[in-house]
PDB file of N, CA and C in Angstrom:
ATOM      1  N   MET A   1     -20.862  40.121  52.227  1.00  0.00           N
ATOM      2  CA  MET A   1     -20.437  40.698  51.032  1.00  0.00           C
ATOM      3  C   MET A   1     -21.121  40.390  49.913  1.00  0.00           C
ATOM      4  N   LEU A   2     -21.659  40.996  49.106  1.00  0.00           N
ATOM      5  CA  LEU A   2     -22.907  41.078  48.266  1.00  0.00           C
ATOM      6  C   LEU A   2     -21.989  39.996  47.191  1.00  0.00           C
ATOM      7  N   ILE A   3     -22.533  39.837  45.948  1.00  0.00           N
ATOM      8  CA  ILE A   3     -21.734  38.954  44.927  1.00  0.00           C
ATOM      9  C   ILE A   3     -21.325  40.446  44.269  1.00  0.00           C
ATOM     10  N   PRO A   4     -20.599  40.226  43.702  1.00  0.00           N
ATOM     11  CA  PRO A   4     -19.965  41.522  42.903  1.00  0.00           C
ATOM     12  C   PRO A   4     -20.220  41.461  41.651  1.00  0.00           C
ATOM     13  N   ASP A   5     -20.313  42.669  40.953  1.00  0.00           N
ATOM     14  CA  ASP A   5     -20.393  42.365  39.239  1.00  0.00           C
ATOM     15  C   ASP A   5     -19.179  42.113  38.808  1.00  0.00           C
ATOM     16  N   SER A   6     -19.059  40.991  37.951  1.00  0.00           N
ATOM     17  CA  SER A   6     -17.888  40.469  37.448  1.00  0.00           C
ATOM     18  C   SER A   6     -17.979  41.020  35.892  1.00  0.00           C
ATOM     19  N   SER A   7     -18.752  41.354  35.299  1.00  0.00           N
ATOM     20  CA  SER A   7     -18.684  42.016  34.061  1.00  0.00           C
ATOM     21  C   SER A   7     -18.061  43.055  33.572  1.00  0.00           C
ATOM     22  N   SER A   8     -17.090  43.268  32.929  1.00  0.00           N
ATOM     23  CA  SER A   8     -16.363  44.200  32.692  1.00  0.00           C
ATOM     24  C   SER A   8     -16.746  45.420  31.892  1.00  0.00           C
ATOM     25  N   SER A   9     -18.116  45.364  31.338  1.00  0.00           N
ATOM     26  CA  SER A   9     -18.541  46.582  30.973  1.00  0.00           C
ATOM     27  C   SER A   9     -19.733  47.076  32.178  1.00  0.00           C
ATOM     28  N   GLY A  10     -19.762  46.355  33.049  1.00  0.00           N
ATOM     29  CA  GLY A  10     -20.921  47.294  34.502  1.00  0.00           C
ATOM     30  C   GLY A  10     -22.068  46.921  34.415  1.00  0.00           C
ATOM     31  N   SER A  11     -22.680  46.139  33.300  1.00  0.00           N
ATOM     32  CA  SER A  11     -24.169  45.890  33.173  1.00  0.00           C
ATOM     33  C   SER A  11     -24.385  44.439  33.913  1.00  0.00           C
ATOM     34  N   VAL A  12     -25.744  44.429  34.450  1.00  0.00           N
ATOM     35  CA  VAL A  12     -26.603  44.118  35.386  1.00  0.00           C
ATOM     36  C   VAL A  12     -27.249  42.715  34.244  1.00  0.00           C
ATOM     37  N   SER A  13     -27.263  41.668  34.430  1.00  0.00           N
ATOM     38  CA  SER A  13     -27.642  40.512  33.626  1.00  0.00           C
ATOM     39  C   SER A  13     -29.109  40.287  34.331  1.00  0.00           C
ATOM     40  N   ALA A  14     -29.853  40.343  33.624  1.00  0.00           N
ATOM     41  CA  ALA A  14     -31.187  39.963  33.856  1.00  0.00           C
ATOM     42  C   ALA A  14     -31.266  38.306  33.429  1.00  0.00           C
ATOM     43  N   ASP A  15     -30.354  37.409  33.023  1.00  0.00           N
ATOM     44  CA  ASP A  15     -30.569  36.067  32.550  1.00  0.00           C
ATOM     45  C   ASP A  15     -30.603  35.055  33.691  1.00  0.00           C
ATOM     46  N   PRO A  16     -31.920  34.269  33.847  1.00  0.00           N
ATOM     47  CA  PRO A  16     -31.771  33.594  35.174  1.00  0.00           C
ATOM     48  C   PRO A  16     -31.567  32.166  34.768  1.00  0.00           C
ATOM     49  N   VAL A  17     -30.515  32.021  33.619  1.00  0.00           N
ATOM     50  CA  VAL A  17     -30.136  30.599  33.386  1.00  0.00           C
ATOM     51  C   VAL A  17     -28.532  30.586  33.984  1.00  0.00           C
ATOM     52  N   LEU A  18     -28.489  29.332  34.550  1.00  0.00           N
ATOM     53  CA  LEU A  18     -26.856  29.225  34.686  1.00  0.00           C
ATOM     54  C   LEU A  18     -26.275  28.014  33.734  1.00  0.00           C
ATOM     55  N   GLN A  19     -25.462  28.252  32.845  1.00  0.00           N
ATOM     56  CA  GLN A  19     -24.730  27.513  32.096  1.00  0.00           C
ATOM     57  C   GLN A  19     -23.590  26.845  32.565  1.00  0.00           C
ATOM     58  N   LEU A  20     -23.663  25.674  33.118  1.00  0.00           N
ATOM     59  CA  LEU A  20     -22.760  24.498  33.671  1.00  0.00           C
ATOM     60  C   LEU A  20     -22.405  23.435  32.506  1.00  0.00           C
ATOM     61  N   TYR A  21     -21.101  22.991  32.839  1.00  0.00           N
ATOM     62  CA  TYR A  21     -20.642  22.085  31.801  1.00  0.00           C
ATOM     63  C   TYR A  21     -19.730  20.928  32.504  1.00  0.00           C
ATOM     64  N   PHE A  22     -20.451  19.589  32.410  1.00  0.00           N
ATOM     65  CA  PHE A  22     -19.953  18.527  32.931  1.00  0.00           C
ATOM     66  C   PHE A  22     -19.274  17.443  32.118  1.00  0.00           C
ATOM     67  N   ARG A  23     -18.247  16.867  32.312  1.00  0.00           N
ATOM     68  CA  ARG A  23     -17.304  15.763  31.580  1.00  0.00           C
ATOM     69  C   ARG A  23     -17.152  15.964  30.312  1.00  0.00           C
ATOM     70  N   GLY A  24     -16.282  17.018  30.080  1.00  0.00           N
ATOM     71  CA  GLY A  24     -16.096  17.432  28.870  1.00  0.00           C
ATOM     72  C   GLY A  24     -16.590  18.494  28.476  1.00  0.00           C
ATOM     73  N   SER A  25     -17.374  18.685  27.232  1.00  0.00           N
ATOM     74  CA  SER A  25     -18.134  19.730  26.708  1.00  0.00           C
ATOM     75  C   SER A  25     -19.748  19.992  26.739  1.00  0.00           C
ATOM     76  N   ARG A  26     -20.273  18.796  27.769  1.00  0.00           N
ATOM     77  CA  ARG A  26     -21.548  18.929  27.494  1.00  0.00           C
ATOM     78  C   ARG A  26     -22.277  20.141  28.585  1.00  0.00           C
ATOM     79  N   GLN A  27     -22.938  20.627  28.039  1.00  0.00           N
ATOM     80  CA  GLN A  27     -23.477  21.854  28.633  1.00  0.00           C
ATOM     81  C   GLN A  27     -25.076  21.587  29.088  1.00  0.00           C
ATOM     82  N   HIS A  28     -24.941  21.837  30.539  1.00  0.00           N
ATOM     83  CA  HIS A  28     -26.861  21.888  30.936  1.00  0.00           C
ATOM     84  C   HIS A  28     -26.841  23.151  31.322  1.00  0.00           C
ATOM     85  N   LEU A  29     -28.599  23.161  31.220  1.00  0.00           N
ATOM     86  CA  LEU A  29     -28.808  24.890  32.008  1.00  0.00           C
ATOM     87  C   LEU A  29     -29.906  24.904  32.901  1.00  0.00           C
ATOM     88  N   PHE A  30     -29.561  25.636  33.785  1.00  0.00           N
ATOM     89  CA  PHE A  30     -29.812  25.500  35.393  1.00  0.00           C
ATOM     90  C   PHE A  30     -30.726  27.138  35.229  1.00  0.00           C
ATOM     91  N   GLN A  31     -31.864  26.846  36.007  1.00  0.00           N
ATOM     92  CA  GLN A  31     -32.670  28.008  36.600  1.00  0.00           C
ATOM     93  C   GLN A  31     -32.066  28.442  37.929  1.00  0.00           C
ATOM     94  N   THR A  32     -31.335  29.444  37.756  1.00  0.00           N
ATOM     95  CA  THR A  32     -30.802  30.041  39.256  1.00  0.00           C
ATOM     96  C   THR A  32     -31.911  30.227  40.051  1.00  0.00           C
ATOM     97  N   SER A  33     -33.344  30.758  39.460  1.00  0.00           N
ATOM     98  CA  SER A  33     -34.235  30.644  40.668  1.00  0.00           C
ATOM     99  C   SER A  33     -34.403  29.317  41.236  1.00  0.00           C
ATOM    100  N   ASP A  34     -33.942  28.015  41.035  1.00  0.00           N
ATOM    101  CA  ASP A  34     -34.020  26.759  42.046  1.00  0.00           C
ATOM    102  C   ASP A  34     -32.933  26.637  42.471  1.00  0.00           C
ATOM    103  N   LEU A  35     -31.681  27.419  42.505  1.00  0.00           N
ATOM    104  CA  LEU A  35     -30.475  27.056  43.152  1.00  0.00           C
ATOM    105  C   LEU A  35     -30.563  27.454  44.728  1.00  0.00           C
ATOM    106  N   VAL A  36     -30.745  27.095  45.766  1.00  0.00           N
ATOM    107  CA  VAL A  36     -30.675  27.416  46.911  1.00  0.00           C
ATOM    108  C   VAL A  36     -29.461  28.020  47.486  1.00  0.00           C
ATOM    109  N   CYS A  37     -28.625  27.110  47.491  1.00  0.00           N
ATOM    110  CA  CYS A  37     -26.904  27.761  48.261  1.00  0.00           C
ATOM    111  C   CYS A  37     -25.846  26.867  47.339  1.00  0.00           C
ATOM    112  N   LEU A  38     -24.646  27.522  47.660  1.00  0.00           N
ATOM    113  CA  LEU A  38     -23.515  26.743  47.028  1.00  0.00           C
ATOM    114  C   LEU A  38     -22.447  27.016  48.417  1.00  0.00           C
ATOM    115  N   GLN A  39     -22.099  25.589  48.248  1.00  0.00           N
ATOM    116  CA  GLN A  39     -21.114  25.586  49.844  1.00  0.00           C
ATOM    117  C   GLN A  39     -19.678  25.221  48.906  1.00  0.00           C
ATOM    118  N   GLY A  40     -18.880  25.799  49.055  1.00  0.00           N
ATOM    119  CA  GLY A  40     -17.172  25.642  48.810  1.00  0.00           C
ATOM    120  C   GLY A  40     -16.851  24.411  49.499  1.00  0.00           C
ATOM    121  N   ASP A  41     -15.893  23.584  48.943  1.00  0.00           N
ATOM    122  CA  ASP A  41     -14.992  22.714  49.190  1.00  0.00           C
ATOM    123  C   ASP A  41     -13.991  22.281  48.647  1.00  0.00           C
ATOM    124  N   GLY A  42     -13.126  23.205  48.976  1.00  0.00           N
ATOM    125  CA  GLY A  42     -11.562  22.871  48.841  1.00  0.00           C
ATOM    126  C   GLY A  42     -11.746  23.399  47.022  1.00  0.00           C
ATOM    127  N   ASN A  43     -11.347  22.863  46.350  1.00  0.00           N
ATOM    128  CA  ASN A  43     -11.397  23.068  45.181  1.00  0.00           C
ATOM    129  C   ASN A  43     -12.675  22.626  43.745  1.00  0.00           C
ATOM    130  N   TYR A  44     -13.602  22.179  44.712  1.00  0.00           N
ATOM    131  CA  TYR A  44     -14.875  22.125  44.429  1.00  0.00           C
ATOM    132  C   TYR A  44     -16.327  22.896  45.235  1.00  0.00           C
ATOM    133  N   THR A  45     -17.314  22.872  44.674  1.00  0.00           N
ATOM    134  CA  THR A  45     -18.458  23.457  45.129  1.00  0.00           C
ATOM    135  C   THR A  45     -19.518  22.355  45.118  1.00  0.00           C
ATOM    136  N   TRP A  46     -20.465  22.522  45.974  1.00  0.00           N
ATOM    137  CA  TRP A  46     -21.635  21.904  46.153  1.00  0.00           C
ATOM    138  C   TRP A  46     -22.776  23.045  45.744  1.00  0.00           C
ATOM    139  N   LEU A  47     -23.523  22.410  44.526  1.00  0.00           N
ATOM    140  CA  LEU A  47     -24.542  23.077  44.381  1.00  0.00           C
ATOM    141  C   LEU A  47     -26.185  22.418  44.938  1.00  0.00           C
ATOM    142  N   HIS A  48     -26.524  23.007  45.667  1.00  0.00           N
ATOM    143  CA  HIS A  48     -28.086  22.789  46.267  1.00  0.00           C
ATOM    144  C   HIS A  48     -29.197  22.992  45.377  1.00  0.00           C
ATOM    145  N   TRP A  49     -29.729  22.274  45.071  1.00  0.00           N
ATOM    146  CA  TRP A  49     -31.075  22.763  44.386  1.00  0.00           C
ATOM    147  C   TRP A  49     -32.486  22.923  45.100  1.00  0.00           C
ATOM    148  N   ARG A  50     -33.489  23.371  44.710  1.00  0.00           N
ATOM    149  CA  ARG A  50     -34.629  23.237  45.362  1.00  0.00           C
ATOM    150  C   ARG A  50     -35.368  21.638  44.944  1.00  0.00           C
ATOM    151  N   ASN A  51     -35.609  21.209  44.023  1.00  0.00           N
ATOM    152  CA  ASN A  51     -36.246  19.981  43.470  1.00  0.00           C
ATOM    153  C   ASN A  51     -35.326  19.200  42.621  1.00  0.00           C
ATOM    154  N   ARG A  52     -34.166  19.020  42.997  1.00  0.00           N
ATOM    155  CA  ARG A  52     -33.084  17.904  42.286  1.00  0.00           C
ATOM    156  C   ARG A  52     -32.074  17.953  43.459  1.00  0.00           C
ATOM    157  N   PRO A  53     -31.473  16.950  43.152  1.00  0.00           N
ATOM    158  CA  PRO A  53     -30.167  16.261  43.714  1.00  0.00           C
ATOM    159  C   PRO A  53     -29.268  17.440  43.561  1.00  0.00           C
ATOM    160  N   SER A  54     -28.615  17.577  44.739  1.00  0.00           N
ATOM    161  CA  SER A  54     -27.128  18.364  44.892  1.00  0.00           C
ATOM    162  C   SER A  54     -25.991  17.711  44.104  1.00  0.00           C
ATOM    163  N   ILE A  55     -25.317  18.619  43.374  1.00  0.00           N
ATOM    164  CA  ILE A  55     -24.366  18.177  42.549  1.00  0.00           C
ATOM    165  C   ILE A  55     -23.033  18.589  42.731  1.00  0.00           C
ATOM    166  N   ILE A  56     -21.835  18.242  42.617  1.00  0.00           N
ATOM    167  CA  ILE A  56     -20.782  18.971  42.851  1.00  0.00           C
ATOM    168  C   ILE A  56     -20.098  19.435  41.232  1.00  0.00           C
ATOM    169  N   MET A  57     -19.262  20.662  41.370  1.00  0.00           N
ATOM    170  CA  MET A  57     -18.633  20.892  40.265  1.00  0.00           C
ATOM    171  C   MET A  57     -16.789  21.162  40.920  1.00  0.00           C
ATOM    172  N   PRO A  58     -16.407  20.721  39.733  1.00  0.00           N
ATOM    173  CA  PRO A  58     -14.926  21.002  39.731  1.00  0.00           C
ATOM    174  C   PRO A  58     -14.598  22.252  39.932  1.00  0.00           C
ATOM    175  N   LYS A  59     -15.185  23.259  40.314  1.00  0.00           N
ATOM    176  CA  LYS A  59     -14.963  24.757  40.531  1.00  0.00           C
ATOM    177  C   LYS A  59     -14.579  25.555  41.576  1.00  0.00           C
ATOM    178  N   THR A  60     -14.026  26.194  41.944  1.00  0.00           N
ATOM    179  CA  THR A  60     -14.065  26.991  43.691  1.00  0.00           C
ATOM    180  C   THR A  60     -15.347  27.970  43.182  1.00  0.00           C
ATOM    181  N   LEU A  61     -15.781  28.056  44.517  1.00  0.00           N
ATOM    182  CA  LEU A  61     -16.958  29.124  44.985  1.00  0.00           C
ATOM    183  C   LEU A  61     -16.446  30.317  44.067  1.00  0.00           C
ATOM    184  N   LYS A  62     -15.329  30.920  44.065  1.00  0.00           N
ATOM    185  CA  LYS A  62     -14.672  31.753  43.684  1.00  0.00           C
ATOM    186  C   LYS A  62     -15.264  32.067  42.305  1.00  0.00           C
ATOM    187  N   GLN A  63     -15.043  31.226  41.174  1.00  0.00           N
ATOM    188  CA  GLN A  63     -15.017  30.911  39.999  1.00  0.00           C
ATOM    189  C   GLN A  63     -16.498  30.931  39.992  1.00  0.00           C
ATOM    190  N   LEU A  64     -17.671  30.074  40.870  1.00  0.00           N
ATOM    191  CA  LEU A  64     -18.901  30.278  40.365  1.00  0.00           C
ATOM    192  C   LEU A  64     -19.519  31.495  40.536  1.00  0.00           C
ATOM    193  N   THR A  65     -18.934  32.403  41.460  1.00  0.00           N
ATOM    194  CA  THR A  65     -19.339  33.510  42.129  1.00  0.00           C
ATOM    195  C   THR A  65     -19.517  34.679  40.659  1.00  0.00           C
ATOM    196  N   GLY A  66     -18.669  34.264  39.784  1.00  0.00           N
ATOM    197  CA  GLY A  66     -18.386  34.749  38.829  1.00  0.00           C
ATOM    198  C   GLY A  66     -19.546  34.848  37.631  1.00  0.00           C
ATOM    199  N   ILE A  67     -20.195  33.637  37.514  1.00  0.00           N
ATOM    200  CA  ILE A  67     -21.301  33.608  36.743  1.00  0.00           C
ATOM    201  C   ILE A  67     -22.519  33.483  36.971  1.00  0.00           C
ATOM    202  N   LEU A  68     -22.519  33.722  38.430  1.00  0.00           N
ATOM    203  CA  LEU A  68     -24.097  34.050  38.904  1.00  0.00           C
ATOM    204  C   LEU A  68     -24.338  35.320  38.669  1.00  0.00           C
ATOM    205  N   PRO A  69     -25.911  35.280  38.819  1.00  0.00           N
ATOM    206  CA  PRO A  69     -26.444  36.855  38.491  1.00  0.00           C
ATOM    207  C   PRO A  69     -26.073  37.699  40.021  1.00  0.00           C
ATOM    208  N   ILE A  70     -25.968  38.899  39.891  1.00  0.00           N
ATOM    209  CA  ILE A  70     -25.900  39.514  40.732  1.00  0.00           C
ATOM    210  C   ILE A  70     -26.858  39.977  42.174  1.00  0.00           C
ATOM    211  N   ALA A  71     -28.261  39.723  41.633  1.00  0.00           N
ATOM    212  CA  ALA A  71     -29.280  40.011  42.328  1.00  0.00           C
ATOM    213  C   ALA A  71     -29.929  38.825  42.946  1.00  0.00           C
ATOM    214  N   GLY A  72     -29.982  38.869  44.308  1.00  0.00           N
ATOM    215  CA  GLY A  72     -30.574  37.525  44.765  1.00  0.00           C
ATOM    216  C   GLY A  72     -29.704  36.992  45.615  1.00  0.00           C
ATOM    217  N   PHE A  73     -28.438  36.966  45.343  1.00  0.00           N
ATOM    218  CA  PHE A  73     -27.344  36.171  45.888  1.00  0.00           C
ATOM    219  C   PHE A  73     -26.515  36.685  47.266  1.00  0.00           C
ATOM    220  N   VAL A  74     -26.323  36.168  47.911  1.00  0.00           N
ATOM    221  CA  VAL A  74     -25.243  36.910  48.980  1.00  0.00           C
ATOM    222  C   VAL A  74     -24.238  35.877  49.696  1.00  0.00           C
ATOM    223  N   ARG A  75     -23.312  36.362  50.038  1.00  0.00           N
ATOM    224  CA  ARG A  75     -22.189  35.517  50.453  1.00  0.00           C
ATOM    225  C   ARG A  75     -22.422  35.503  51.909  1.00  0.00           C
ATOM    226  N   VAL A  76     -22.637  34.601  52.339  1.00  0.00           N
ATOM    227  CA  VAL A  76     -22.790  34.302  54.158  1.00  0.00           C
ATOM    228  C   VAL A  76     -21.366  34.161  55.140  1.00  0.00           C
ATOM    229  N   HIS A  77     -20.726  33.232  54.282  1.00  0.00           N
ATOM    230  CA  HIS A  77     -19.296  32.952  54.872  1.00  0.00           C
ATOM    231  C   HIS A  77     -18.194  32.466  53.871  1.00  0.00           C
ATOM    232  N   ARG A  78     -17.063  32.359  54.321  1.00  0.00           N
ATOM    233  CA  ARG A  78     -16.161  32.027  53.221  1.00  0.00           C
ATOM    234  C   ARG A  78     -16.502  30.959  52.390  1.00  0.00           C
ATOM    235  N   ASN A  79     -17.115  29.651  52.707  1.00  0.00           N
ATOM    236  CA  ASN A  79     -17.185  28.609  51.988  1.00  0.00           C
ATOM    237  C   ASN A  79     -18.935  28.598  51.503  1.00  0.00           C
ATOM    238  N   SER A  80     -20.145  29.785  51.697  1.00  0.00           N
ATOM    239  CA  SER A  80     -21.341  29.843  51.281  1.00  0.00           C
ATOM    240  C   SER A  80     -21.805  30.895  51.142  1.00  0.00           C
ATOM    241  N   ILE A  81     -22.678  30.655  49.972  1.00  0.00           N
ATOM    242  CA  ILE A  81     -23.201  31.834  49.017  1.00  0.00           C
ATOM    243  C   ILE A  81     -24.785  31.144  48.946  1.00  0.00           C
ATOM    244  N   VAL A  82     -25.678  31.923  49.518  1.00  0.00           N
ATOM    245  CA  VAL A  82     -27.180  31.704  49.803  1.00  0.00           C
ATOM    246  C   VAL A  82     -28.173  32.442  48.754  1.00  0.00           C
ATOM    247  N   ASN A  83     -28.836  32.130  48.620  1.00  0.00           N
ATOM    248  CA  ASN A  83     -30.348  32.719  47.266  1.00  0.00           C
ATOM    249  C   ASN A  83     -31.062  33.220  48.362  1.00  0.00           C
ATOM    250  N   CYS A  84     -31.467  34.423  48.510  1.00  0.00           N
ATOM    251  CA  CYS A  84     -32.082  35.229  49.488  1.00  0.00           C
ATOM    252  C   CYS A  84     -33.593  34.861  49.656  1.00  0.00           C
ATOM    253  N   GLN A  85     -33.852  33.797  48.587  1.00  0.00           N
ATOM    254  CA  GLN A  85     -35.593  33.729  48.437  1.00  0.00           C
ATOM    255  C   GLN A  85     -36.108  32.543  49.433  1.00  0.00           C
ATOM    256  N   TYR A  86     -34.545  31.722  49.642  1.00  0.00           N
ATOM    257  CA  TYR A  86     -34.565  30.626  50.245  1.00  0.00           C
ATOM    258  C   TYR A  86     -34.267  30.653  51.642  1.00  0.00           C
ATOM    259  N   VAL A  87     -34.357  31.959  52.279  1.00  0.00           N
ATOM    260  CA  VAL A  87     -33.815  32.206  53.955  1.00  0.00           C
ATOM    261  C   VAL A  87     -35.403  32.032  54.557  1.00  0.00           C
ATOM    262  N   ALA A  88     -35.150  31.089  55.672  1.00  0.00           N
ATOM    263  CA  ALA A  88     -36.025  31.397  56.471  1.00  0.00           C
ATOM    264  C   ALA A  88     -35.858  31.988  57.759  1.00  0.00           C
ATOM    265  N   SER A  89     -34.390  32.285  58.040  1.00  0.00           N
ATOM    266  CA  SER A  89     -34.480  33.282  59.520  1.00  0.00           C
ATOM    267  C   SER A  89     -33.050  33.201  59.818  1.00  0.00           C
ATOM    268  N   LEU A  90     -32.828  33.951  60.627  1.00  0.00           N
ATOM    269  CA  LEU A  90     -31.196  34.334  60.614  1.00  0.00           C
ATOM    270  C   LEU A  90     -31.374  34.379  62.440  1.00  0.00           C
ATOM    271  N   GLU A  91     -30.243  33.384  62.755  1.00  0.00           N
ATOM    272  CA  GLU A  91     -30.019  33.387  64.327  1.00  0.00           C
ATOM    273  C   GLU A  91     -28.569  33.843  64.623  1.00  0.00           C
ATOM    274  N   LYS A  92     -28.707  34.462  65.821  1.00  0.00           N
ATOM    275  CA  LYS A  92     -27.400  35.367  66.460  1.00  0.00           C
ATOM    276  C   LYS A  92     -26.896  34.635  67.460  1.00  0.00           C
ATOM    277  N   LEU A  93     -25.762  33.916  67.521  1.00  0.00           N
ATOM    278  CA  LEU A  93     -24.897  32.669  68.435  1.00  0.00           C
ATOM    279  C   LEU A  93     -24.361  33.829  69.365  1.00  0.00           C
ATOM    280  N   LYS A  94     -24.175  33.063  70.564  1.00  0.00           N
ATOM    281  CA  LYS A  94     -23.752  33.564  71.518  1.00  0.00           C
ATOM    282  C   LYS A  94     -22.173  34.099  71.468  1.00  0.00           C
ATOM    283  N   SER A  95     -21.232  33.087  70.468  1.00  0.00           N
ATOM    284  CA  SER A  95     -20.071  33.366  70.106  1.00  0.00           C
ATOM    285  C   SER A  95     -19.823  34.653  69.314  1.00  0.00           C
ATOM    286  N   GLY A  96     -21.075  34.986  68.728  1.00  0.00           N
ATOM    287  CA  GLY A  96     -20.636  36.537  67.943  1.00  0.00           C
ATOM    288  C   GLY A  96     -21.098  36.296  66.666  1.00  0.00           C
ATOM    289  N   SER A  97     -20.892  34.941  65.988  1.00  0.00           N
ATOM    290  CA  SER A  97     -21.130  34.348  64.937  1.00  0.00           C
ATOM    291  C   SER A  97     -22.805  34.316  64.470  1.00  0.00           C
ATOM    292  N   GLY A  98     -23.368  33.674  63.571  1.00  0.00           N
ATOM    293  CA  GLY A  98     -24.610  33.415  63.271  1.00  0.00           C
ATOM    294  C   GLY A  98     -24.578  32.294  62.546  1.00  0.00           C
ATOM    295  N   ALA A  99     -25.954  32.035  62.058  1.00  0.00           N
ATOM    296  CA  ALA A  99     -26.375  31.054  61.708  1.00  0.00           C
ATOM    297  C   ALA A  99     -27.352  31.224  60.630  1.00  0.00           C
ATOM    298  N   ILE A 100     -27.712  30.634  59.460  1.00  0.00           N
ATOM    299  CA  ILE A 100     -29.007  30.818  58.389  1.00  0.00           C
ATOM    300  C   ILE A 100     -29.479  29.986  58.190  1.00  0.00           C
ATOM    301  N   HIS A 101     -30.704  29.991  58.602  1.00  0.00           N
ATOM    302  CA  HIS A 101     -31.785  28.532  58.202  1.00  0.00           C
ATOM    303  C   HIS A 101     -32.581  28.908  56.787  1.00  0.00           C
ATOM    304  N   LEU A 102     -32.200  27.915  55.908  1.00  0.00           N
ATOM    305  CA  LEU A 102     -32.766  28.043  54.992  1.00  0.00           C
ATOM    306  C   LEU A 102     -34.283  27.356  54.921  1.00  0.00           C
ATOM    307  N   LEU A 103     -34.908  27.320  53.906  1.00  0.00           N
ATOM    308  CA  LEU A 103     -36.264  26.631  53.612  1.00  0.00           C
ATOM    309  C   LEU A 103     -36.096  25.246  53.328  1.00  0.00           C
ATOM    310  N   ASN A 104     -35.331  24.780  52.841  1.00  0.00           N
ATOM    311  CA  ASN A 104     -34.997  23.434  52.718  1.00  0.00           C
ATOM    312  C   ASN A 104     -34.123  22.823  54.194  1.00  0.00           C
ATOM    313  N   GLY A 105     -34.281  23.434  54.815  1.00  0.00           N
ATOM    314  CA  GLY A 105     -33.785  23.055  56.294  1.00  0.00           C
ATOM    315  C   GLY A 105     -32.453  22.681  56.509  1.00  0.00           C
ATOM    316  N   MET A 106     -31.864  23.161  55.633  1.00  0.00           N
ATOM    317  CA  MET A 106     -30.152  23.415  55.929  1.00  0.00           C
ATOM    318  C   MET A 106     -29.946  24.477  56.870  1.00  0.00           C
ATOM    319  N   VAL A 107     -28.804  24.607  57.671  1.00  0.00           N
ATOM    320  CA  VAL A 107     -28.469  25.628  58.585  1.00  0.00           C
ATOM    321  C   VAL A 107     -26.983  25.758  58.023  1.00  0.00           C
ATOM    322  N   LEU A 108     -26.842  27.056  57.567  1.00  0.00           N
ATOM    323  CA  LEU A 108     -25.150  27.556  57.297  1.00  0.00           C
ATOM    324  C   LEU A 108     -24.796  28.527  58.284  1.00  0.00           C
ATOM    325  N   PRO A 109     -23.422  28.253  58.645  1.00  0.00           N
ATOM    326  CA  PRO A 109     -22.689  29.396  59.119  1.00  0.00           C
ATOM    327  C   PRO A 109     -22.769  30.875  58.880  1.00  0.00           C
ATOM    328  N   VAL A 110     -22.738  31.926  59.488  1.00  0.00           N
ATOM    329  CA  VAL A 110     -22.925  33.172  59.137  1.00  0.00           C
ATOM    330  C   VAL A 110     -21.605  33.961  59.952  1.00  0.00           C
ATOM    331  N   SER A 111     -20.407  34.233  59.129  1.00  0.00           N
ATOM    332  CA  SER A 111     -19.721  34.507  59.924  1.00  0.00           C
ATOM    333  C   SER A 111     -19.328  35.821  60.446  1.00  0.00           C
ATOM    334  N   ARG A 112     -18.885  36.136  61.832  1.00  0.00           N
ATOM    335  CA  ARG A 112     -19.107  37.418  62.477  1.00  0.00           C
ATOM    336  C   ARG A 112     -18.704  38.816  61.758  1.00  0.00           C
ATOM    337  N   ARG A 113     -17.950  38.620  60.781  1.00  0.00           N
ATOM    338  CA  ARG A 113     -17.608  39.926  60.367  1.00  0.00           C
ATOM    339  C   ARG A 113     -18.312  40.279  59.208  1.00  0.00           C
ATOM    340  N   ARG A 114     -19.297  39.444  58.570  1.00  0.00           N
ATOM    341  CA  ARG A 114     -20.479  39.693  57.994  1.00  0.00           C
ATOM    342  C   ARG A 114     -21.397  39.720  58.498  1.00  0.00           C
ATOM    343  N   TRP A 115     -21.889  39.445  59.689  1.00  0.00           N
ATOM    344  CA  TRP A 115     -23.293  39.348  60.472  1.00  0.00           C
ATOM    345  C   TRP A 115     -24.056  40.764  60.208  1.00  0.00           C
ATOM    346  N   GLU A 116     -23.372  41.735  60.245  1.00  0.00           N
ATOM    347  CA  GLU A 116     -24.232  43.068  60.402  1.00  0.00           C
ATOM    348  C   GLU A 116     -24.634  43.380  58.978  1.00  0.00           C
ATOM    349  N   GLU A 117     -23.625  42.922  57.924  1.00  0.00           N
ATOM    350  CA  GLU A 117     -24.117  43.505  56.520  1.00  0.00           C
ATOM    351  C   GLU A 117     -25.162  42.190  56.329  1.00  0.00           C
ATOM    352  N   ILE A 118     -24.912  41.266  56.207  1.00  0.00           N
ATOM    353  CA  ILE A 118     -26.270  39.724  55.752  1.00  0.00           C
ATOM    354  C   ILE A 118     -27.474  40.168  56.914  1.00  0.00           C
ATOM    355  N   SER A 119     -27.188  40.712  58.156  1.00  0.00           N
ATOM    356  CA  SER A 119     -28.665  40.879  58.774  1.00  0.00           C
ATOM    357  C   SER A 119     -29.317  41.693  58.199  1.00  0.00           C
ATOM    358  N   GLU A 120     -28.589  43.251  57.914  1.00  0.00           N
ATOM    359  CA  GLU A 120     -29.305  44.395  57.231  1.00  0.00           C
ATOM    360  C   GLU A 120     -30.041  44.128  55.873  1.00  0.00           C
ATOM    361  N   PHE A 121     -28.719  43.714  55.144  1.00  0.00           N
ATOM    362  CA  PHE A 121     -29.340  43.292  53.706  1.00  0.00           C
ATOM    363  C   PHE A 121     -30.645  42.287  53.542  1.00  0.00           C
ATOM    364  N   LEU A 122     -30.845  41.438  54.439  1.00  0.00           N
ATOM    365  CA  LEU A 122     -31.703  40.556  54.479  1.00  0.00           C
ATOM    366  C   LEU A 122     -33.060  41.081  54.977  1.00  0.00           C
ATOM    367  N   SER A 123     -32.906  42.139  55.810  1.00  0.00           N
ATOM    368  CA  SER A 123     -34.076  42.462  56.477  1.00  0.00           C
ATOM    369  C   SER A 123     -34.910  43.789  55.590  1.00  0.00           C
ATOM    370  N   ASN A 124     -33.913  44.089  54.574  1.00  0.00           N
ATOM    371  CA  ASN A 124     -34.338  45.056  53.665  1.00  0.00           C
ATOM    372  C   ASN A 124     -34.804  44.219  52.425  1.00  0.00           C
ATOM    373  N   ALA A 125     -34.324  43.278  52.012  1.00  0.00           N
ATOM    374  CA  ALA A 125     -34.778  42.233  51.169  1.00  0.00           C
ATOM    375  C   ALA A 125     -36.382  41.815  51.084  1.00  0.00           C
TER     376      ALA A 125
END
């Protein structure tokens, strides 16, 4: 499932900056091009970056999906979203599910239901 457009106007935002808030109202700006993947962990989400340590946010993966840019991100599992520019390869497993290998060495599961859509999307990207 691709990241849906959550804006009410239907316009696509070309802004590559992700605004996150830590400890109250301190605002930090991050380039979404540096975001490798997001992993949901209950009511928290781990954000894995290319050149900085991973951080955990007190937001669900669904909440963060609403503020990500539409282009370039794909949901590969119920708890994982990846940035397509960091995908190294896809691997089909005997169980019917799959695995996605990222350039930073991480390996994330790909659900059986999403395998066809993900493999087709990444082969066209």
